[in-house]
Amino acid sequence: THGRFIAANLEKGTGPASNHYFSNLVGL
């Protein structure tokens, strides 16, 4: 369930990505 949530809510906007997006990737 947690993986599904992360995959559906990646924190990568239109600008430069941040450590939030990197943490999403490490979690996945």
PDB file of all heavy atoms in Angstrom:
ATOM      1  N   THR A   1       0.831  -1.204   0.000  1.00  0.00           N
ATOM      2  CA  THR A   1       0.000   0.000   0.000  1.00  0.00           C
ATOM      3  C   THR A   1       0.864   1.252   0.000  1.00  0.00           C
ATOM      4  O   THR A   1       0.579   2.217  -0.711  1.00  0.00           O
ATOM      5  CB  THR A   1      -0.944  -0.002   1.222  1.00  0.00           C
ATOM      6  OG1 THR A   1      -1.760  -1.180   1.159  1.00  0.00           O
ATOM      7  CG2 THR A   1      -1.825   1.223   1.238  1.00  0.00           C
ATOM      8  N   HIS A   2       1.931   1.240   0.793  1.00  0.00           N
ATOM      9  CA  HIS A   2       2.811   2.401   0.863  1.00  0.00           C
ATOM     10  C   HIS A   2       3.481   2.648  -0.486  1.00  0.00           C
ATOM     11  O   HIS A   2       3.574   3.791  -0.944  1.00  0.00           O
ATOM     12  CB  HIS A   2       3.855   2.200   1.964  1.00  0.00           C
ATOM     13  CG  HIS A   2       4.607   3.434   2.302  1.00  0.00           C
ATOM     14  ND1 HIS A   2       4.021   4.523   2.901  1.00  0.00           N
ATOM     15  CD2 HIS A   2       5.893   3.768   2.101  1.00  0.00           C
ATOM     16  CE1 HIS A   2       4.926   5.480   3.059  1.00  0.00           C
ATOM     17  NE2 HIS A   2       6.076   5.041   2.578  1.00  0.00           N
ATOM     18  N   GLY A   3       3.927   1.593  -1.148  1.00  0.00           N
ATOM     19  CA  GLY A   3       4.534   1.721  -2.469  1.00  0.00           C
ATOM     20  C   GLY A   3       3.561   2.285  -3.482  1.00  0.00           C
ATOM     21  O   GLY A   3       3.928   3.127  -4.306  1.00  0.00           O
ATOM     22  N   ARG A   4       2.325   1.832  -3.427  1.00  0.00           N
ATOM     23  CA  ARG A   4       1.299   2.366  -4.338  1.00  0.00           C
ATOM     24  C   ARG A   4       1.091   3.858  -4.108  1.00  0.00           C
ATOM     25  O   ARG A   4       0.941   4.626  -5.060  1.00  0.00           O
ATOM     26  CB  ARG A   4      -0.017   1.616  -4.151  1.00  0.00           C
ATOM     27  CG  ARG A   4       0.022   0.214  -4.666  1.00  0.00           C
ATOM     28  CD  ARG A   4      -1.320  -0.489  -4.496  1.00  0.00           C
ATOM     29  NE  ARG A   4      -1.149  -1.890  -4.825  1.00  0.00           N
ATOM     30  CZ  ARG A   4      -1.395  -2.896  -3.992  1.00  0.00           C
ATOM     31  NH1 ARG A   4      -1.853  -2.661  -2.777  1.00  0.00           N
ATOM     32  NH2 ARG A   4      -1.199  -4.132  -4.374  1.00  0.00           N
ATOM     33  N   PHE A   5       1.087   4.254  -2.833  1.00  0.00           N
ATOM     34  CA  PHE A   5       0.904   5.671  -2.528  1.00  0.00           C
ATOM     35  C   PHE A   5       2.067   6.494  -3.075  1.00  0.00           C
ATOM     36  O   PHE A   5       1.868   7.534  -3.703  1.00  0.00           O
ATOM     37  CB  PHE A   5       0.768   5.892  -1.019  1.00  0.00           C
ATOM     38  CG  PHE A   5       0.574   7.337  -0.665  1.00  0.00           C
ATOM     39  CD1 PHE A   5      -0.690   7.899  -0.676  1.00  0.00           C
ATOM     40  CD2 PHE A   5       1.666   8.152  -0.356  1.00  0.00           C
ATOM     41  CE1 PHE A   5      -0.872   9.244  -0.377  1.00  0.00           C
ATOM     42  CE2 PHE A   5       1.492   9.490  -0.059  1.00  0.00           C
ATOM     43  CZ  PHE A   5       0.216  10.040  -0.068  1.00  0.00           C
ATOM     44  N   ILE A   6       3.297   6.038  -2.825  1.00  0.00           N
ATOM     45  CA  ILE A   6       4.470   6.770  -3.316  1.00  0.00           C
ATOM     46  C   ILE A   6       4.421   6.875  -4.836  1.00  0.00           C
ATOM     47  O   ILE A   6       4.604   7.956  -5.401  1.00  0.00           O
ATOM     48  CB  ILE A   6       5.782   6.087  -2.870  1.00  0.00           C
ATOM     49  CG1 ILE A   6       5.953   6.151  -1.359  1.00  0.00           C
ATOM     50  CG2 ILE A   6       6.981   6.741  -3.567  1.00  0.00           C
ATOM     51  CD1 ILE A   6       7.107   5.302  -0.838  1.00  0.00           C
ATOM     52  N   ALA A   7       4.174   5.747  -5.512  1.00  0.00           N
ATOM     53  CA  ALA A   7       4.166   5.728  -6.975  1.00  0.00           C
ATOM     54  C   ALA A   7       3.106   6.669  -7.545  1.00  0.00           C
ATOM     55  O   ALA A   7       3.320   7.294  -8.591  1.00  0.00           O
ATOM     56  CB  ALA A   7       3.947   4.308  -7.477  1.00  0.00           C
ATOM     57  N   ALA A   8       1.986   6.807  -6.861  1.00  0.00           N
ATOM     58  CA  ALA A   8       0.902   7.661  -7.336  1.00  0.00           C
ATOM     59  C   ALA A   8       1.101   9.127  -6.962  1.00  0.00           C
ATOM     60  O   ALA A   8       0.387   9.995  -7.475  1.00  0.00           O
ATOM     61  CB  ALA A   8      -0.432   7.172  -6.775  1.00  0.00           C
ATOM     62  N   ASN A   9       2.053   9.407  -6.077  1.00  0.00           N
ATOM     63  CA  ASN A   9       2.235  10.772  -5.566  1.00  0.00           C
ATOM     64  C   ASN A   9       3.690  11.205  -5.596  1.00  0.00           C
ATOM     65  O   ASN A   9       4.173  11.835  -4.645  1.00  0.00           O
ATOM     66  CB  ASN A   9       1.691  10.875  -4.140  1.00  0.00           C
ATOM     67  CG  ASN A   9       0.208  10.650  -4.077  1.00  0.00           C
ATOM     68  OD1 ASN A   9      -0.572  11.527  -4.413  1.00  0.00           O
ATOM     69  ND2 ASN A   9      -0.196   9.453  -3.687  1.00  0.00           N
ATOM     70  N   LEU A  10       4.408  10.889  -6.662  1.00  0.00           N
ATOM     71  CA  LEU A  10       5.805  11.286  -6.758  1.00  0.00           C
ATOM     72  C   LEU A  10       5.926  12.799  -6.651  1.00  0.00           C
ATOM     73  O   LEU A  10       5.159  13.534  -7.269  1.00  0.00           O
ATOM     74  CB  LEU A  10       6.410  10.793  -8.072  1.00  0.00           C
ATOM     75  CG  LEU A  10       6.554   9.284  -8.199  1.00  0.00           C
ATOM     76  CD1 LEU A  10       6.980   8.922  -9.606  1.00  0.00           C
ATOM     77  CD2 LEU A  10       7.538   8.755  -7.181  1.00  0.00           C
ATOM     78  N   GLU A  11       6.887  13.239  -5.870  1.00  0.00           N
ATOM     79  CA  GLU A  11       7.047  14.672  -5.600  1.00  0.00           C
ATOM     80  C   GLU A  11       8.019  15.309  -6.582  1.00  0.00           C
ATOM     81  O   GLU A  11       9.023  15.905  -6.192  1.00  0.00           O
ATOM     82  CB  GLU A  11       7.506  14.867  -4.158  1.00  0.00           C
ATOM     83  CG  GLU A  11       6.461  14.370  -3.170  1.00  0.00           C
ATOM     84  CD  GLU A  11       6.932  14.441  -1.743  1.00  0.00           C
ATOM     85  OE1 GLU A  11       6.832  15.539  -1.144  1.00  0.00           O
ATOM     86  OE2 GLU A  11       7.411  13.412  -1.241  1.00  0.00           O
ATOM     87  N   LYS A  12       7.705  15.183  -7.854  1.00  0.00           N
ATOM     88  CA  LYS A  12       8.520  15.800  -8.896  1.00  0.00           C
ATOM     89  C   LYS A  12       7.614  16.735  -9.675  1.00  0.00           C
ATOM     90  O   LYS A  12       6.739  16.291 -10.412  1.00  0.00           O
ATOM     91  CB  LYS A  12       9.118  14.745  -9.816  1.00  0.00           C
ATOM     92  CG  LYS A  12      10.030  15.343 -10.857  1.00  0.00           C
ATOM     93  CD  LYS A  12      10.707  14.287 -11.696  1.00  0.00           C
ATOM     94  CE  LYS A  12      11.679  14.968 -12.642  1.00  0.00           C
ATOM     95  NZ  LYS A  12      12.340  14.009 -13.515  1.00  0.00           N
ATOM     96  N   GLY A  13       7.849  18.007  -9.511  1.00  0.00           N
ATOM     97  CA  GLY A  13       7.053  18.995 -10.223  1.00  0.00           C
ATOM     98  C   GLY A  13       7.666  19.314 -11.575  1.00  0.00           C
ATOM     99  O   GLY A  13       8.447  18.535 -12.136  1.00  0.00           O
ATOM    100  N   THR A  14       7.341  20.468 -12.074  1.00  0.00           N
ATOM    101  CA  THR A  14       7.857  20.874 -13.378  1.00  0.00           C
ATOM    102  C   THR A  14       9.234  21.515 -13.273  1.00  0.00           C
ATOM    103  O   THR A  14       9.960  21.571 -14.247  1.00  0.00           O
ATOM    104  CB  THR A  14       6.892  21.865 -14.050  1.00  0.00           C
ATOM    105  OG1 THR A  14       6.669  22.972 -13.157  1.00  0.00           O
ATOM    106  CG2 THR A  14       5.566  21.191 -14.365  1.00  0.00           C
ATOM    107  N   GLY A  15       9.607  21.990 -12.095  1.00  0.00           N
ATOM    108  CA  GLY A  15      10.923  22.595 -11.901  1.00  0.00           C
ATOM    109  C   GLY A  15      11.937  21.553 -11.485  1.00  0.00           C
ATOM    110  O   GLY A  15      11.711  20.349 -11.635  1.00  0.00           O
ATOM    111  N   PRO A  16      13.051  22.019 -10.925  1.00  0.00           N
ATOM    112  CA  PRO A  16      14.069  21.060 -10.461  1.00  0.00           C
ATOM    113  C   PRO A  16      13.495  20.168  -9.363  1.00  0.00           C
ATOM    114  O   PRO A  16      12.726  20.617  -8.525  1.00  0.00           O
ATOM    115  CB  PRO A  16      15.181  21.952  -9.904  1.00  0.00           C
ATOM    116  CG  PRO A  16      14.888  23.328 -10.366  1.00  0.00           C
ATOM    117  CD  PRO A  16      13.439  23.397 -10.712  1.00  0.00           C
ATOM    118  N   ALA A  17      13.858  18.914  -9.406  1.00  0.00           N
ATOM    119  CA  ALA A  17      13.402  17.983  -8.370  1.00  0.00           C
ATOM    120  C   ALA A  17      14.151  18.286  -7.074  1.00  0.00           C
ATOM    121  O   ALA A  17      15.117  19.043  -7.055  1.00  0.00           O
ATOM    122  CB  ALA A  17      13.645  16.553  -8.820  1.00  0.00           C
ATOM    123  N   SER A  18      13.721  17.658  -6.013  1.00  0.00           N
ATOM    124  CA  SER A  18      14.332  17.928  -4.714  1.00  0.00           C
ATOM    125  C   SER A  18      14.605  16.618  -3.993  1.00  0.00           C
ATOM    126  O   SER A  18      14.362  15.537  -4.514  1.00  0.00           O
ATOM    127  CB  SER A  18      13.381  18.792  -3.872  1.00  0.00           C
ATOM    128  OG  SER A  18      12.250  18.012  -3.490  1.00  0.00           O
ATOM    129  N   ASN A  19      15.071  16.755  -2.766  1.00  0.00           N
ATOM    130  CA  ASN A  19      15.323  15.573  -1.954  1.00  0.00           C
ATOM    131  C   ASN A  19      14.024  14.809  -1.685  1.00  0.00           C
ATOM    132  O   ASN A  19      14.067  13.624  -1.404  1.00  0.00           O
ATOM    133  CB  ASN A  19      16.051  15.945  -0.660  1.00  0.00           C
ATOM    134  CG  ASN A  19      15.323  16.986   0.130  1.00  0.00           C
ATOM    135  OD1 ASN A  19      14.202  16.761   0.576  1.00  0.00           O
ATOM    136  ND2 ASN A  19      15.933  18.136   0.315  1.00  0.00           N
ATOM    137  N   HIS A  20      12.884  15.454  -1.802  1.00  0.00           N
ATOM    138  CA  HIS A  20      11.607  14.763  -1.628  1.00  0.00           C
ATOM    139  C   HIS A  20      11.450  13.691  -2.708  1.00  0.00           C
ATOM    140  O   HIS A  20      11.088  12.554  -2.420  1.00  0.00           O
ATOM    141  CB  HIS A  20      10.425  15.735  -1.715  1.00  0.00           C
ATOM    142  CG  HIS A  20      10.380  16.721  -0.608  1.00  0.00           C
ATOM    143  ND1 HIS A  20       9.396  16.708   0.354  1.00  0.00           N
ATOM    144  CD2 HIS A  20      11.191  17.754  -0.296  1.00  0.00           C
ATOM    145  CE1 HIS A  20       9.604  17.693   1.214  1.00  0.00           C
ATOM    146  NE2 HIS A  20      10.697  18.340   0.831  1.00  0.00           N
ATOM    147  N   TYR A  21      11.714  14.079  -3.944  1.00  0.00           N
ATOM    148  CA  TYR A  21      11.612  13.135  -5.056  1.00  0.00           C
ATOM    149  C   TYR A  21      12.640  12.023  -4.897  1.00  0.00           C
ATOM    150  O   TYR A  21      12.329  10.855  -5.127  1.00  0.00           O
ATOM    151  CB  TYR A  21      11.795  13.869  -6.386  1.00  0.00           C
ATOM    152  CG  TYR A  21      11.705  12.974  -7.598  1.00  0.00           C
ATOM    153  CD1 TYR A  21      10.557  12.240  -7.863  1.00  0.00           C
ATOM    154  CD2 TYR A  21      12.769  12.877  -8.486  1.00  0.00           C
ATOM    155  CE1 TYR A  21      10.463  11.420  -8.975  1.00  0.00           C
ATOM    156  CE2 TYR A  21      12.686  12.057  -9.602  1.00  0.00           C
ATOM    157  CZ  TYR A  21      11.530  11.337  -9.841  1.00  0.00           C
ATOM    158  OH  TYR A  21      11.454  10.524 -10.945  1.00  0.00           O
ATOM    159  N   PHE A  22      13.849  12.380  -4.495  1.00  0.00           N
ATOM    160  CA  PHE A  22      14.892  11.370  -4.300  1.00  0.00           C
ATOM    161  C   PHE A  22      14.459  10.372  -3.225  1.00  0.00           C
ATOM    162  O   PHE A  22      14.660   9.167  -3.374  1.00  0.00           O
ATOM    163  CB  PHE A  22      16.221  12.034  -3.943  1.00  0.00           C
ATOM    164  CG  PHE A  22      17.404  11.137  -4.146  1.00  0.00           C
ATOM    165  CD1 PHE A  22      17.948  10.956  -5.402  1.00  0.00           C
ATOM    166  CD2 PHE A  22      17.978  10.473  -3.082  1.00  0.00           C
ATOM    167  CE1 PHE A  22      19.044  10.118  -5.606  1.00  0.00           C
ATOM    168  CE2 PHE A  22      19.068   9.636  -3.263  1.00  0.00           C
ATOM    169  CZ  PHE A  22      19.604   9.462  -4.528  1.00  0.00           C
ATOM    170  N   SER A  23      13.844  10.861  -2.159  1.00  0.00           N
ATOM    171  CA  SER A  23      13.381   9.947  -1.109  1.00  0.00           C
ATOM    172  C   SER A  23      12.261   9.057  -1.627  1.00  0.00           C
ATOM    173  O   SER A  23      12.174   7.880  -1.246  1.00  0.00           O
ATOM    174  CB  SER A  23      12.939  10.712   0.143  1.00  0.00           C
ATOM    175  OG  SER A  23      11.750  11.440  -0.085  1.00  0.00           O
ATOM    176  N   ASN A  24      11.399   9.568  -2.504  1.00  0.00           N
ATOM    177  CA  ASN A  24      10.381   8.733  -3.138  1.00  0.00           C
ATOM    178  C   ASN A  24      11.039   7.573  -3.883  1.00  0.00           C
ATOM    179  O   ASN A  24      10.606   6.423  -3.785  1.00  0.00           O
ATOM    180  CB  ASN A  24       9.548   9.529  -4.140  1.00  0.00           C
ATOM    181  CG  ASN A  24       8.706  10.630  -3.563  1.00  0.00           C
ATOM    182  OD1 ASN A  24       8.334  11.554  -4.286  1.00  0.00           O
ATOM    183  ND2 ASN A  24       8.373  10.597  -2.287  1.00  0.00           N
ATOM    184  N   LEU A  25      12.081   7.892  -4.636  1.00  0.00           N
ATOM    185  CA  LEU A  25      12.775   6.876  -5.430  1.00  0.00           C
ATOM    186  C   LEU A  25      13.434   5.823  -4.548  1.00  0.00           C
ATOM    187  O   LEU A  25      13.347   4.622  -4.832  1.00  0.00           O
ATOM    188  CB  LEU A  25      13.819   7.537  -6.331  1.00  0.00           C
ATOM    189  CG  LEU A  25      13.281   8.503  -7.387  1.00  0.00           C
ATOM    190  CD1 LEU A  25      14.432   9.216  -8.079  1.00  0.00           C
ATOM    191  CD2 LEU A  25      12.391   7.779  -8.377  1.00  0.00           C
ATOM    192  N   VAL A  26      14.086   6.261  -3.479  1.00  0.00           N
ATOM    193  CA  VAL A  26      14.746   5.309  -2.582  1.00  0.00           C
ATOM    194  C   VAL A  26      13.703   4.405  -1.925  1.00  0.00           C
ATOM    195  O   VAL A  26      13.900   3.194  -1.794  1.00  0.00           O
ATOM    196  CB  VAL A  26      15.619   6.037  -1.532  1.00  0.00           C
ATOM    197  CG1 VAL A  26      16.202   5.050  -0.526  1.00  0.00           C
ATOM    198  CG2 VAL A  26      16.733   6.821  -2.213  1.00  0.00           C
ATOM    199  N   GLY A  27      12.568   4.977  -1.547  1.00  0.00           N
ATOM    200  CA  GLY A  27      11.486   4.172  -0.975  1.00  0.00           C
ATOM    201  C   GLY A  27      10.962   3.137  -1.955  1.00  0.00           C
ATOM    202  O   GLY A  27      10.747   1.978  -1.593  1.00  0.00           O
ATOM    203  N   LEU A  28      10.768   3.544  -3.213  1.00  0.00           N
ATOM    204  CA  LEU A  28      10.290   2.598  -4.222  1.00  0.00           C
ATOM    205  C   LEU A  28      11.306   1.501  -4.489  1.00  0.00           C
ATOM    206  O   LEU A  28      10.942   0.336  -4.689  1.00  0.00           O
ATOM    207  CB  LEU A  28       9.946   3.330  -5.523  1.00  0.00           C
ATOM    208  CG  LEU A  28       8.683   4.188  -5.495  1.00  0.00           C
ATOM    209  CD1 LEU A  28       8.520   4.932  -6.811  1.00  0.00           C
ATOM    210  CD2 LEU A  28       7.445   3.349  -5.191  1.00  0.00           C
TER     211      LEU A  28
END
